[in-house]
Amino acid sequence: MAGLDQTTEAIWDRFPAHERLAINYTLTCNLSCAHCIVESSPQRRERLTSDEVHSALRSGLRSGKKHVTFSGGEVFLFPEEMCEIIAFARELGYVVDVESNAFWARDDRLAKIKLAPFVEAGISGIAFSADAYHVQSFPVQRTINAARAARSFGLLTEINFCPSQDRRTDEEIIAALTEAGEPFLRNELLDRGRGADLIPLGIRRPVEDLQDCDSLTTTVHATGDVFACCELDVSTDAMKRTPVFLGSIRTNGDSADQQAERERLVTGFYDPESPIYFRKMVREHPAFQEFAEDRYRNICEFCMRVLGAPKRVAALSAVLAEHSAHAVGAERAAD
């Protein structure tokens, strides 16, 4: 069974990003993993209410969302609340997945008992973690137990492995997953949240060499804040100064149309077919050409720098408006 890593796909990739909604239900977790980007822990108390989640789900439905993933923290710490929310999402027509560290899967029997209410509520898939940061608290066998139990209920499963600096433990985890016949995804450590302290100075690349962004999934944070990105850390101040921040479900702020316009702008900035695709803007637009010579650790650093200035955001909006006007004119001429 060698070579299992990276032979499976992320289960939420069965939906395009613009149809996905991620809800970070809670920051309360039974663990305090050293690489956690949202810095969840047993001491964190941030959590969405059921009414807030219901509102976010209805809003997502109006925006064309078809798939929702619930994450934390650890959602299995709140089984009754989560099962009610999952059932509500299913009633609205969502396909529902959840994420868990699998702490509850001590053995095959207990794994099925703990998972059964979530299955009855209507989940379709479940994603787990298996890495050196989690095995400090419990063995990787729990992840294997949980994945087997999930498949016994007919669920899609995904195991995420994140390499660490502990090569020996990494090898042991990979060997255990391989022996059990469990495919897994290899996810690189993110330089956000607690993970920022684990990453040495990385290679900086010019804009043309940056990877395209694959994280544009609308995300509701446990604080009530909403973003056009799924890779959030606990310190979102920089992100809130960009159109990536869509507003808060706890305030009567911008209208749904204004939020939708910001999301459309961010999505267009990373769409190669869009008139405001970031590589095109850096090559051709005067307001962005200053970034052509700079180097960046990753696409996220580039995004925060470029979209943090209102004048550049206004320039993107102007290009979109001009493109839309030309399209309308061409339609009328054709008629």
C-alpha atoms as a PDB file:
ATOM      1  CA  MET A   1       0.000   0.000   0.000  1.00  0.00           C
ATOM      2  CA  ALA A   2       2.963   2.349  -0.466  1.00  0.00           C
ATOM      3  CA  GLY A   3       2.418   5.766  -1.971  1.00  0.00           C
ATOM      4  CA  LEU A   4      -1.007   6.343  -0.469  1.00  0.00           C
ATOM      5  CA  ASP A   5      -0.384   9.958   0.457  1.00  0.00           C
ATOM      6  CA  GLN A   6      -1.752  12.505  -1.990  1.00  0.00           C
ATOM      7  CA  THR A   7      -3.662   9.852  -3.962  1.00  0.00           C
ATOM      8  CA  THR A   8      -6.951  11.024  -2.503  1.00  0.00           C
ATOM      9  CA  GLU A   9      -8.720  14.356  -2.927  1.00  0.00           C
ATOM     10  CA  ALA A  10     -10.072  16.719  -0.309  1.00  0.00           C
ATOM     11  CA  ILE A  11     -13.716  15.752   0.103  1.00  0.00           C
ATOM     12  CA  TRP A  12     -14.967  19.318  -0.198  1.00  0.00           C
ATOM     13  CA  ASP A  13     -13.352  19.556  -3.641  1.00  0.00           C
ATOM     14  CA  ARG A  14     -16.411  17.775  -5.000  1.00  0.00           C
ATOM     15  CA  PHE A  15     -17.911  21.295  -4.936  1.00  0.00           C
ATOM     16  CA  PRO A  16     -16.369  24.396  -6.525  1.00  0.00           C
ATOM     17  CA  ALA A  17     -15.185  27.062  -4.067  1.00  0.00           C
ATOM     18  CA  HIS A  18     -18.030  29.474  -4.838  1.00  0.00           C
ATOM     19  CA  GLU A  19     -20.566  26.828  -3.751  1.00  0.00           C
ATOM     20  CA  ARG A  20     -18.844  26.083  -0.427  1.00  0.00           C
ATOM     21  CA  LEU A  21     -19.474  27.518   3.019  1.00  0.00           C
ATOM     22  CA  ALA A  22     -17.217  26.850   6.016  1.00  0.00           C
ATOM     23  CA  ILE A  23     -18.515  27.505   9.517  1.00  0.00           C
ATOM     24  CA  ASN A  24     -15.921  27.614  12.296  1.00  0.00           C
ATOM     25  CA  TYR A  25     -18.514  26.817  14.968  1.00  0.00           C
ATOM     26  CA  THR A  26     -16.298  27.009  18.052  1.00  0.00           C
ATOM     27  CA  LEU A  27     -12.771  27.744  19.240  1.00  0.00           C
ATOM     28  CA  THR A  28     -13.219  25.418  22.204  1.00  0.00           C
ATOM     29  CA  CYS A  29     -11.101  22.287  21.765  1.00  0.00           C
ATOM     30  CA  ASN A  30      -9.890  19.462  23.958  1.00  0.00           C
ATOM     31  CA  LEU A  31      -6.388  20.059  22.551  1.00  0.00           C
ATOM     32  CA  SER A  32      -3.996  23.006  22.103  1.00  0.00           C
ATOM     33  CA  CYS A  33      -2.023  21.823  19.083  1.00  0.00           C
ATOM     34  CA  ALA A  34       1.171  23.721  18.343  1.00  0.00           C
ATOM     35  CA  HIS A  35       0.214  24.279  14.685  1.00  0.00           C
ATOM     36  CA  CYS A  36      -3.419  25.388  15.115  1.00  0.00           C
ATOM     37  CA  ILE A  37      -4.098  28.394  12.891  1.00  0.00           C
ATOM     38  CA  VAL A  38      -7.180  29.500  14.877  1.00  0.00           C
ATOM     39  CA  GLU A  39      -5.376  28.869  18.202  1.00  0.00           C
ATOM     40  CA  SER A  40      -8.223  26.846  19.667  1.00  0.00           C
ATOM     41  CA  SER A  41      -7.820  25.296  23.139  1.00  0.00           C
ATOM     42  CA  PRO A  42      -9.780  24.107  26.198  1.00  0.00           C
ATOM     43  CA  GLN A  43      -9.628  27.682  27.498  1.00  0.00           C
ATOM     44  CA  ARG A  44     -11.237  29.333  24.460  1.00  0.00           C
ATOM     45  CA  ARG A  45     -14.959  30.008  24.811  1.00  0.00           C
ATOM     46  CA  GLU A  46     -15.861  31.646  21.497  1.00  0.00           C
ATOM     47  CA  ARG A  47     -18.799  29.889  19.892  1.00  0.00           C
ATOM     48  CA  LEU A  48     -21.605  30.715  17.505  1.00  0.00           C
ATOM     49  CA  THR A  49     -25.196  30.402  18.671  1.00  0.00           C
ATOM     50  CA  SER A  50     -27.638  28.161  16.843  1.00  0.00           C
ATOM     51  CA  ASP A  51     -29.540  31.225  15.634  1.00  0.00           C
ATOM     52  CA  GLU A  52     -26.331  32.717  14.218  1.00  0.00           C
ATOM     53  CA  VAL A  53     -25.527  29.510  12.379  1.00  0.00           C
ATOM     54  CA  HIS A  54     -29.090  29.301  11.040  1.00  0.00           C
ATOM     55  CA  SER A  55     -28.779  32.868   9.766  1.00  0.00           C
ATOM     56  CA  ALA A  56     -25.415  32.145   8.127  1.00  0.00           C
ATOM     57  CA  LEU A  57     -26.829  29.044   6.434  1.00  0.00           C
ATOM     58  CA  ARG A  58     -29.842  30.926   5.062  1.00  0.00           C
ATOM     59  CA  SER A  59     -27.596  33.730   3.817  1.00  0.00           C
ATOM     60  CA  GLY A  60     -25.274  31.210   2.184  1.00  0.00           C
ATOM     61  CA  LEU A  61     -28.192  29.547   0.451  1.00  0.00           C
ATOM     62  CA  ARG A  62     -29.244  32.886  -1.057  1.00  0.00           C
ATOM     63  CA  SER A  63     -25.673  33.281  -2.331  1.00  0.00           C
ATOM     64  CA  GLY A  64     -25.714  29.927  -4.094  1.00  0.00           C
ATOM     65  CA  LYS A  65     -23.888  27.835  -1.478  1.00  0.00           C
ATOM     66  CA  LYS A  66     -24.600  24.115  -1.660  1.00  0.00           C
ATOM     67  CA  HIS A  67     -22.023  22.571   0.668  1.00  0.00           C
ATOM     68  CA  VAL A  68     -21.117  23.398   4.268  1.00  0.00           C
ATOM     69  CA  THR A  69     -18.278  22.156   6.448  1.00  0.00           C
ATOM     70  CA  PHE A  70     -18.484  22.585  10.219  1.00  0.00           C
ATOM     71  CA  SER A  71     -15.170  22.849  12.055  1.00  0.00           C
ATOM     72  CA  GLY A  72     -13.651  24.164  15.264  1.00  0.00           C
ATOM     73  CA  GLY A  73     -12.050  23.857  17.694  1.00  0.00           C
ATOM     74  CA  GLU A  74     -13.681  20.485  18.086  1.00  0.00           C
ATOM     75  CA  VAL A  75     -17.333  20.119  17.084  1.00  0.00           C
ATOM     76  CA  PHE A  76     -17.688  16.711  18.770  1.00  0.00           C
ATOM     77  CA  LEU A  77     -17.521  18.473  22.144  1.00  0.00           C
ATOM     78  CA  PHE A  78     -21.031  19.795  21.388  1.00  0.00           C
ATOM     79  CA  PRO A  79     -22.892  16.813  19.886  1.00  0.00           C
ATOM     80  CA  GLU A  80     -26.464  17.885  20.689  1.00  0.00           C
ATOM     81  CA  GLU A  81     -26.011  21.427  19.390  1.00  0.00           C
ATOM     82  CA  MET A  82     -24.137  20.275  16.302  1.00  0.00           C
ATOM     83  CA  CYS A  83     -26.649  17.582  15.387  1.00  0.00           C
ATOM     84  CA  GLU A  84     -29.497  20.117  15.540  1.00  0.00           C
ATOM     85  CA  ILE A  85     -27.528  22.476  13.293  1.00  0.00           C
ATOM     86  CA  ILE A  86     -26.579  19.691  10.865  1.00  0.00           C
ATOM     87  CA  ALA A  87     -30.210  18.607  10.586  1.00  0.00           C
ATOM     88  CA  PHE A  88     -31.232  22.214   9.890  1.00  0.00           C
ATOM     89  CA  ALA A  89     -28.582  22.520   7.167  1.00  0.00           C
ATOM     90  CA  ARG A  90     -29.798  19.294   5.552  1.00  0.00           C
ATOM     91  CA  GLU A  91     -33.389  20.567   5.607  1.00  0.00           C
ATOM     92  CA  LEU A  92     -32.201  23.629   3.676  1.00  0.00           C
ATOM     93  CA  GLY A  93     -30.653  21.336   1.075  1.00  0.00           C
ATOM     94  CA  TYR A  94     -26.962  21.560   1.998  1.00  0.00           C
ATOM     95  CA  VAL A  95     -24.539  18.692   1.677  1.00  0.00           C
ATOM     96  CA  VAL A  96     -22.877  18.649   5.100  1.00  0.00           C
ATOM     97  CA  ASP A  97     -19.374  17.614   6.192  1.00  0.00           C
ATOM     98  CA  VAL A  98     -17.661  18.006   9.570  1.00  0.00           C
ATOM     99  CA  GLU A  99     -14.037  18.105  10.740  1.00  0.00           C
ATOM    100  CA  SER A 100     -12.759  16.408  13.892  1.00  0.00           C
ATOM    101  CA  ASN A 101      -9.534  15.382  15.594  1.00  0.00           C
ATOM    102  CA  ALA A 102     -11.112  11.952  16.325  1.00  0.00           C
ATOM    103  CA  PHE A 103     -10.403  12.048  20.075  1.00  0.00           C
ATOM    104  CA  TRP A 104     -13.667  10.163  20.618  1.00  0.00           C
ATOM    105  CA  ALA A 105     -12.673   7.037  18.623  1.00  0.00           C
ATOM    106  CA  ARG A 106     -10.957   5.037  21.386  1.00  0.00           C
ATOM    107  CA  ASP A 107     -12.022   1.779  19.743  1.00  0.00           C
ATOM    108  CA  ASP A 108     -14.227   0.639  16.870  1.00  0.00           C
ATOM    109  CA  ARG A 109     -17.341   0.192  19.004  1.00  0.00           C
ATOM    110  CA  LEU A 110     -17.107   3.589  20.705  1.00  0.00           C
ATOM    111  CA  ALA A 111     -16.274   5.294  17.409  1.00  0.00           C
ATOM    112  CA  LYS A 112     -19.543   4.090  15.894  1.00  0.00           C
ATOM    113  CA  ILE A 113     -21.529   5.096  18.983  1.00  0.00           C
ATOM    114  CA  LYS A 114     -20.127   8.645  18.979  1.00  0.00           C
ATOM    115  CA  LEU A 115     -20.535   9.052  15.233  1.00  0.00           C
ATOM    116  CA  ALA A 116     -24.066   7.628  14.918  1.00  0.00           C
ATOM    117  CA  PRO A 117     -25.969  10.813  15.975  1.00  0.00           C
ATOM    118  CA  PHE A 118     -24.033  12.876  13.418  1.00  0.00           C
ATOM    119  CA  VAL A 119     -24.890  10.342  10.720  1.00  0.00           C
ATOM    120  CA  GLU A 120     -28.552  10.397  11.716  1.00  0.00           C
ATOM    121  CA  ALA A 121     -28.505  14.213  11.620  1.00  0.00           C
ATOM    122  CA  GLY A 122     -27.360  14.040   8.016  1.00  0.00           C
ATOM    123  CA  ILE A 123     -23.602  14.419   7.487  1.00  0.00           C
ATOM    124  CA  SER A 124     -22.172  13.130   4.206  1.00  0.00           C
ATOM    125  CA  GLY A 125     -18.457  13.280   4.953  1.00  0.00           C
ATOM    126  CA  ILE A 126     -15.932  13.782   7.706  1.00  0.00           C
ATOM    127  CA  ALA A 127     -12.296  14.953   7.736  1.00  0.00           C
ATOM    128  CA  PHE A 128      -9.721  13.973  10.353  1.00  0.00           C
ATOM    129  CA  SER A 129      -6.179  14.925  11.359  1.00  0.00           C
ATOM    130  CA  ALA A 130      -3.192  12.622  11.780  1.00  0.00           C
ATOM    131  CA  ASP A 131       0.123  14.293  12.564  1.00  0.00           C
ATOM    132  CA  ALA A 132       2.833  14.695  15.181  1.00  0.00           C
ATOM    133  CA  TYR A 133       0.961  17.572  16.813  1.00  0.00           C
ATOM    134  CA  HIS A 134      -2.118  15.441  17.498  1.00  0.00           C
ATOM    135  CA  VAL A 135      -0.353  12.224  18.510  1.00  0.00           C
ATOM    136  CA  GLN A 136       1.146  14.084  21.444  1.00  0.00           C
ATOM    137  CA  SER A 137      -2.335  13.697  22.980  1.00  0.00           C
ATOM    138  CA  PHE A 138      -3.562  10.363  21.626  1.00  0.00           C
ATOM    139  CA  PRO A 139      -2.385   7.699  19.148  1.00  0.00           C
ATOM    140  CA  VAL A 140      -3.027   7.810  15.413  1.00  0.00           C
ATOM    141  CA  GLN A 141      -5.043   4.616  15.793  1.00  0.00           C
ATOM    142  CA  ARG A 142      -7.993   6.773  16.900  1.00  0.00           C
ATOM    143  CA  THR A 143      -7.994   8.500  13.517  1.00  0.00           C
ATOM    144  CA  ILE A 144      -7.924   5.083  11.840  1.00  0.00           C
ATOM    145  CA  ASN A 145     -10.801   3.873  14.047  1.00  0.00           C
ATOM    146  CA  ALA A 146     -12.825   6.987  13.255  1.00  0.00           C
ATOM    147  CA  ALA A 147     -12.260   6.707   9.502  1.00  0.00           C
ATOM    148  CA  ARG A 148     -13.295   3.039   9.487  1.00  0.00           C
ATOM    149  CA  ALA A 149     -16.412   3.813  11.519  1.00  0.00           C
ATOM    150  CA  ALA A 150     -17.332   6.652   9.156  1.00  0.00           C
ATOM    151  CA  ARG A 151     -17.053   4.434   6.096  1.00  0.00           C
ATOM    152  CA  SER A 152     -19.148   1.755   7.789  1.00  0.00           C
ATOM    153  CA  PHE A 153     -21.934   4.362   7.763  1.00  0.00           C
ATOM    154  CA  GLY A 154     -21.296   5.143   4.097  1.00  0.00           C
ATOM    155  CA  LEU A 155     -19.593   8.501   4.710  1.00  0.00           C
ATOM    156  CA  LEU A 156     -16.811  10.018   2.636  1.00  0.00           C
ATOM    157  CA  THR A 157     -13.606  10.317   4.652  1.00  0.00           C
ATOM    158  CA  GLU A 158     -10.460  12.407   4.497  1.00  0.00           C
ATOM    159  CA  ILE A 159      -7.324  12.168   6.636  1.00  0.00           C
ATOM    160  CA  ASN A 160      -5.002  15.163   6.706  1.00  0.00           C
ATOM    161  CA  PHE A 161      -1.325  14.687   7.491  1.00  0.00           C
ATOM    162  CA  CYS A 162       0.809  17.748   8.253  1.00  0.00           C
ATOM    163  CA  PRO A 163       4.597  17.157   8.265  1.00  0.00           C
ATOM    164  CA  SER A 164       6.500  18.286  11.350  1.00  0.00           C
ATOM    165  CA  GLN A 165      10.129  18.691  12.338  1.00  0.00           C
ATOM    166  CA  ASP A 166       9.887  15.353  14.148  1.00  0.00           C
ATOM    167  CA  ARG A 167      10.806  13.078  11.233  1.00  0.00           C
ATOM    168  CA  ARG A 168      10.652   9.886  13.268  1.00  0.00           C
ATOM    169  CA  THR A 169       7.101  10.523  14.476  1.00  0.00           C
ATOM    170  CA  ASP A 170       6.064  11.537  10.969  1.00  0.00           C
ATOM    171  CA  GLU A 171       7.407   8.263   9.599  1.00  0.00           C
ATOM    172  CA  GLU A 172       5.600   6.273  12.290  1.00  0.00           C
ATOM    173  CA  ILE A 173       2.297   7.985  11.481  1.00  0.00           C
ATOM    174  CA  ILE A 174       2.694   7.403   7.748  1.00  0.00           C
ATOM    175  CA  ALA A 175       3.608   3.752   8.394  1.00  0.00           C
ATOM    176  CA  ALA A 176       0.521   3.279  10.574  1.00  0.00           C
ATOM    177  CA  LEU A 177      -1.806   4.844   7.990  1.00  0.00           C
ATOM    178  CA  THR A 178      -0.218   2.858   5.177  1.00  0.00           C
ATOM    179  CA  GLU A 179      -0.459  -0.428   7.067  1.00  0.00           C
ATOM    180  CA  ALA A 180      -4.114   0.296   7.811  1.00  0.00           C
ATOM    181  CA  GLY A 181      -4.753   1.060   4.126  1.00  0.00           C
ATOM    182  CA  GLU A 182      -5.815   4.621   4.880  1.00  0.00           C
ATOM    183  CA  PRO A 183      -5.094   7.173   2.106  1.00  0.00           C
ATOM    184  CA  PHE A 184      -4.268  10.674   3.299  1.00  0.00           C
ATOM    185  CA  LEU A 185      -3.631  14.203   2.124  1.00  0.00           C
ATOM    186  CA  ARG A 186      -0.296  15.882   2.809  1.00  0.00           C
ATOM    187  CA  ASN A 187      -0.935  19.480   3.903  1.00  0.00           C
ATOM    188  CA  GLU A 188       1.963  21.839   4.464  1.00  0.00           C
ATOM    189  CA  LEU A 189       2.241  23.728   7.734  1.00  0.00           C
ATOM    190  CA  LEU A 190       0.597  27.169   7.501  1.00  0.00           C
ATOM    191  CA  ASP A 191       2.383  30.270   8.740  1.00  0.00           C
ATOM    192  CA  ARG A 192      -0.610  31.554  10.687  1.00  0.00           C
ATOM    193  CA  GLY A 193      -1.831  31.236  14.243  1.00  0.00           C
ATOM    194  CA  ARG A 194       0.442  29.061  16.360  1.00  0.00           C
ATOM    195  CA  GLY A 195       1.935  27.603  13.194  1.00  0.00           C
ATOM    196  CA  ALA A 196       3.736  30.883  12.510  1.00  0.00           C
ATOM    197  CA  ASP A 197       6.195  30.074  15.309  1.00  0.00           C
ATOM    198  CA  LEU A 198       7.097  26.725  13.728  1.00  0.00           C
ATOM    199  CA  ILE A 199       8.022  27.871  10.235  1.00  0.00           C
ATOM    200  CA  PRO A 200      11.569  29.053   9.547  1.00  0.00           C
ATOM    201  CA  LEU A 201      12.170  31.954   7.186  1.00  0.00           C
ATOM    202  CA  GLY A 202      10.799  30.763   3.871  1.00  0.00           C
ATOM    203  CA  ILE A 203      11.667  31.341   0.253  1.00  0.00           C
ATOM    204  CA  ARG A 204      10.318  34.561  -1.203  1.00  0.00           C
ATOM    205  CA  ARG A 205       9.017  34.469  -4.759  1.00  0.00           C
ATOM    206  CA  PRO A 206       7.995  37.031  -7.373  1.00  0.00           C
ATOM    207  CA  VAL A 207       4.317  37.386  -8.215  1.00  0.00           C
ATOM    208  CA  GLU A 208       4.584  35.267 -11.365  1.00  0.00           C
ATOM    209  CA  ASP A 209       5.882  32.326  -9.309  1.00  0.00           C
ATOM    210  CA  LEU A 210       3.241  32.423  -6.562  1.00  0.00           C
ATOM    211  CA  GLN A 211       0.711  29.616  -6.436  1.00  0.00           C
ATOM    212  CA  ASP A 212      -2.850  30.561  -7.299  1.00  0.00           C
ATOM    213  CA  CYS A 213      -5.135  30.915  -4.283  1.00  0.00           C
ATOM    214  CA  ASP A 214      -7.278  27.840  -3.616  1.00  0.00           C
ATOM    215  CA  SER A 215      -8.805  29.022  -0.321  1.00  0.00           C
ATOM    216  CA  LEU A 216     -11.673  31.234  -1.495  1.00  0.00           C
ATOM    217  CA  THR A 217     -14.413  29.520   0.470  1.00  0.00           C
ATOM    218  CA  THR A 218     -16.789  31.782   2.394  1.00  0.00           C
ATOM    219  CA  THR A 219     -16.042  31.259   6.082  1.00  0.00           C
ATOM    220  CA  VAL A 220     -17.977  32.227   9.189  1.00  0.00           C
ATOM    221  CA  HIS A 221     -15.575  32.544  12.122  1.00  0.00           C
ATOM    222  CA  ALA A 222     -16.552  31.567  15.678  1.00  0.00           C
ATOM    223  CA  THR A 223     -16.463  35.289  16.506  1.00  0.00           C
ATOM    224  CA  GLY A 224     -19.250  35.999  14.001  1.00  0.00           C
ATOM    225  CA  ASP A 225     -16.946  37.580  11.426  1.00  0.00           C
ATOM    226  CA  VAL A 226     -17.345  36.449   7.808  1.00  0.00           C
ATOM    227  CA  PHE A 227     -14.497  36.186   5.285  1.00  0.00           C
ATOM    228  CA  ALA A 228     -14.063  35.221   1.639  1.00  0.00           C
ATOM    229  CA  CYS A 229     -11.262  32.852   2.679  1.00  0.00           C
ATOM    230  CA  CYS A 230     -11.048  29.615   4.657  1.00  0.00           C
ATOM    231  CA  GLU A 231      -7.483  30.001   5.983  1.00  0.00           C
ATOM    232  CA  LEU A 232      -8.052  32.240   8.994  1.00  0.00           C
ATOM    233  CA  ASP A 233      -5.917  32.794  12.023  1.00  0.00           C
ATOM    234  CA  VAL A 234      -7.102  34.268  15.315  1.00  0.00           C
ATOM    235  CA  SER A 235      -5.578  37.665  14.504  1.00  0.00           C
ATOM    236  CA  THR A 236      -7.631  38.890  11.576  1.00  0.00           C
ATOM    237  CA  ASP A 237      -6.894  42.617  11.830  1.00  0.00           C
ATOM    238  CA  ALA A 238      -4.930  42.730   8.576  1.00  0.00           C
ATOM    239  CA  MET A 239      -7.617  40.746   6.779  1.00  0.00           C
ATOM    240  CA  LYS A 240     -10.308  43.103   8.074  1.00  0.00           C
ATOM    241  CA  ARG A 241      -8.611  45.948   6.229  1.00  0.00           C
ATOM    242  CA  THR A 242      -9.222  44.180   2.911  1.00  0.00           C
ATOM    243  CA  PRO A 243     -12.349  43.207   0.937  1.00  0.00           C
ATOM    244  CA  VAL A 244     -11.671  39.627   2.044  1.00  0.00           C
ATOM    245  CA  PHE A 245     -13.557  40.668   5.198  1.00  0.00           C
ATOM    246  CA  LEU A 246     -17.248  40.444   4.317  1.00  0.00           C
ATOM    247  CA  GLY A 247     -18.712  41.729   7.589  1.00  0.00           C
ATOM    248  CA  SER A 248     -20.179  40.244  10.765  1.00  0.00           C
ATOM    249  CA  ILE A 249     -23.325  38.249  11.367  1.00  0.00           C
ATOM    250  CA  ARG A 250     -23.560  39.976  14.778  1.00  0.00           C
ATOM    251  CA  THR A 251     -23.939  43.536  13.516  1.00  0.00           C
ATOM    252  CA  ASN A 252     -26.272  45.368  11.196  1.00  0.00           C
ATOM    253  CA  GLY A 253     -23.435  46.531   8.983  1.00  0.00           C
ATOM    254  CA  ASP A 254     -23.133  46.489   5.226  1.00  0.00           C
ATOM    255  CA  SER A 255     -25.962  45.185   3.089  1.00  0.00           C
ATOM    256  CA  ALA A 256     -25.957  41.738   1.510  1.00  0.00           C
ATOM    257  CA  ASP A 257     -25.359  43.392  -1.865  1.00  0.00           C
ATOM    258  CA  GLN A 258     -22.252  45.182  -0.552  1.00  0.00           C
ATOM    259  CA  GLN A 259     -20.907  41.956   0.923  1.00  0.00           C
ATOM    260  CA  ALA A 260     -21.595  40.112  -2.325  1.00  0.00           C
ATOM    261  CA  GLU A 261     -19.734  42.808  -4.272  1.00  0.00           C
ATOM    262  CA  ARG A 262     -16.646  42.425  -2.063  1.00  0.00           C
ATOM    263  CA  GLU A 263     -16.730  38.661  -2.468  1.00  0.00           C
ATOM    264  CA  ARG A 264     -17.092  39.024  -6.242  1.00  0.00           C
ATOM    265  CA  LEU A 265     -14.083  41.343  -6.306  1.00  0.00           C
ATOM    266  CA  VAL A 266     -11.874  38.989  -4.265  1.00  0.00           C
ATOM    267  CA  THR A 267     -12.935  35.991  -6.346  1.00  0.00           C
ATOM    268  CA  GLY A 268     -12.212  37.880  -9.559  1.00  0.00           C
ATOM    269  CA  PHE A 269      -8.778  38.918  -8.309  1.00  0.00           C
ATOM    270  CA  TYR A 270      -7.759  35.243  -8.225  1.00  0.00           C
ATOM    271  CA  ASP A 271      -9.671  33.998 -11.276  1.00  0.00           C
ATOM    272  CA  PRO A 272      -7.400  33.621 -14.358  1.00  0.00           C
ATOM    273  CA  GLU A 273     -10.411  34.292 -16.589  1.00  0.00           C
ATOM    274  CA  SER A 274     -11.298  37.556 -14.823  1.00  0.00           C
ATOM    275  CA  PRO A 275     -10.380  41.036 -16.125  1.00  0.00           C
ATOM    276  CA  ILE A 276      -8.926  41.783 -12.676  1.00  0.00           C
ATOM    277  CA  TYR A 277      -6.828  38.607 -12.300  1.00  0.00           C
ATOM    278  CA  PHE A 278      -3.916  39.543 -10.055  1.00  0.00           C
ATOM    279  CA  ARG A 279      -1.123  38.582 -12.455  1.00  0.00           C
ATOM    280  CA  LYS A 280      -2.772  40.607 -15.219  1.00  0.00           C
ATOM    281  CA  MET A 281      -3.195  43.618 -12.911  1.00  0.00           C
ATOM    282  CA  VAL A 282       0.434  43.523 -11.765  1.00  0.00           C
ATOM    283  CA  ARG A 283       1.635  43.313 -15.370  1.00  0.00           C
ATOM    284  CA  GLU A 284      -0.639  45.971 -16.850  1.00  0.00           C
ATOM    285  CA  HIS A 285      -2.277  48.332 -14.341  1.00  0.00           C
ATOM    286  CA  PRO A 286      -0.316  51.348 -13.020  1.00  0.00           C
ATOM    287  CA  ALA A 287      -1.748  50.978  -9.501  1.00  0.00           C
ATOM    288  CA  PHE A 288      -0.345  47.442  -9.217  1.00  0.00           C
ATOM    289  CA  GLN A 289       2.878  47.485 -11.206  1.00  0.00           C
ATOM    290  CA  GLU A 290       4.937  48.429  -8.139  1.00  0.00           C
ATOM    291  CA  PHE A 291       4.464  44.846  -6.908  1.00  0.00           C
ATOM    292  CA  ALA A 292       6.080  43.268  -9.964  1.00  0.00           C
ATOM    293  CA  GLU A 293       9.583  43.458  -8.507  1.00  0.00           C
ATOM    294  CA  ASP A 294       8.735  42.506  -4.919  1.00  0.00           C
ATOM    295  CA  ARG A 295       8.908  38.995  -3.482  1.00  0.00           C
ATOM    296  CA  TYR A 296       6.487  37.229  -1.154  1.00  0.00           C
ATOM    297  CA  ARG A 297       6.441  34.175   1.086  1.00  0.00           C
ATOM    298  CA  ASN A 298       3.031  33.107  -0.206  1.00  0.00           C
ATOM    299  CA  ILE A 299      -0.131  34.274  -1.909  1.00  0.00           C
ATOM    300  CA  CYS A 300      -1.651  35.298   1.447  1.00  0.00           C
ATOM    301  CA  GLU A 301       1.111  37.811   2.175  1.00  0.00           C
ATOM    302  CA  PHE A 302       0.661  39.240  -1.315  1.00  0.00           C
ATOM    303  CA  CYS A 303      -3.107  39.491  -0.828  1.00  0.00           C
ATOM    304  CA  MET A 304      -2.865  41.361   2.475  1.00  0.00           C
ATOM    305  CA  ARG A 305      -0.375  43.867   1.054  1.00  0.00           C
ATOM    306  CA  VAL A 306      -2.142  44.543  -2.219  1.00  0.00           C
ATOM    307  CA  LEU A 307      -5.769  44.532  -1.092  1.00  0.00           C
ATOM    308  CA  GLY A 308      -5.078  46.484   2.095  1.00  0.00           C
ATOM    309  CA  ALA A 309      -5.071  49.825   0.229  1.00  0.00           C
ATOM    310  CA  PRO A 310      -8.466  51.381  -0.603  1.00  0.00           C
ATOM    311  CA  LYS A 311      -7.102  53.026  -3.779  1.00  0.00           C
ATOM    312  CA  ARG A 312      -6.160  49.655  -5.261  1.00  0.00           C
ATOM    313  CA  VAL A 313      -9.491  48.121  -4.285  1.00  0.00           C
ATOM    314  CA  ALA A 314     -11.197  51.079  -5.992  1.00  0.00           C
ATOM    315  CA  ALA A 315      -9.070  50.445  -9.090  1.00  0.00           C
ATOM    316  CA  LEU A 316     -10.239  46.826  -9.212  1.00  0.00           C
ATOM    317  CA  SER A 317     -13.862  47.912  -8.883  1.00  0.00           C
ATOM    318  CA  ALA A 318     -13.383  50.430 -11.696  1.00  0.00           C
ATOM    319  CA  VAL A 319     -11.935  47.781 -14.029  1.00  0.00           C
ATOM    320  CA  LEU A 320     -14.832  45.434 -13.255  1.00  0.00           C
ATOM    321  CA  ALA A 321     -17.375  48.189 -13.866  1.00  0.00           C
ATOM    322  CA  GLU A 322     -15.735  49.126 -17.176  1.00  0.00           C
ATOM    323  CA  HIS A 323     -15.643  45.498 -18.261  1.00  0.00           C
ATOM    324  CA  SER A 324     -19.337  45.060 -17.389  1.00  0.00           C
ATOM    325  CA  ALA A 325     -20.241  48.210 -19.328  1.00  0.00           C
ATOM    326  CA  HIS A 326     -18.373  46.958 -22.396  1.00  0.00           C
ATOM    327  CA  ALA A 327     -20.114  43.581 -22.136  1.00  0.00           C
ATOM    328  CA  VAL A 328     -23.548  45.244 -21.964  1.00  0.00           C
ATOM    329  CA  GLY A 329     -22.660  47.465 -24.932  1.00  0.00           C
ATOM    330  CA  ALA A 330     -21.543  44.479 -26.983  1.00  0.00           C
ATOM    331  CA  GLU A 331     -24.808  42.670 -26.176  1.00  0.00           C
ATOM    332  CA  ARG A 332     -26.908  45.605 -27.296  1.00  0.00           C
ATOM    333  CA  ALA A 333     -24.898  45.961 -30.499  1.00  0.00           C
ATOM    334  CA  ALA A 334     -25.436  42.274 -31.257  1.00  0.00           C
ATOM    335  CA  ASP A 335     -29.204  42.691 -30.823  1.00  0.00           C
END
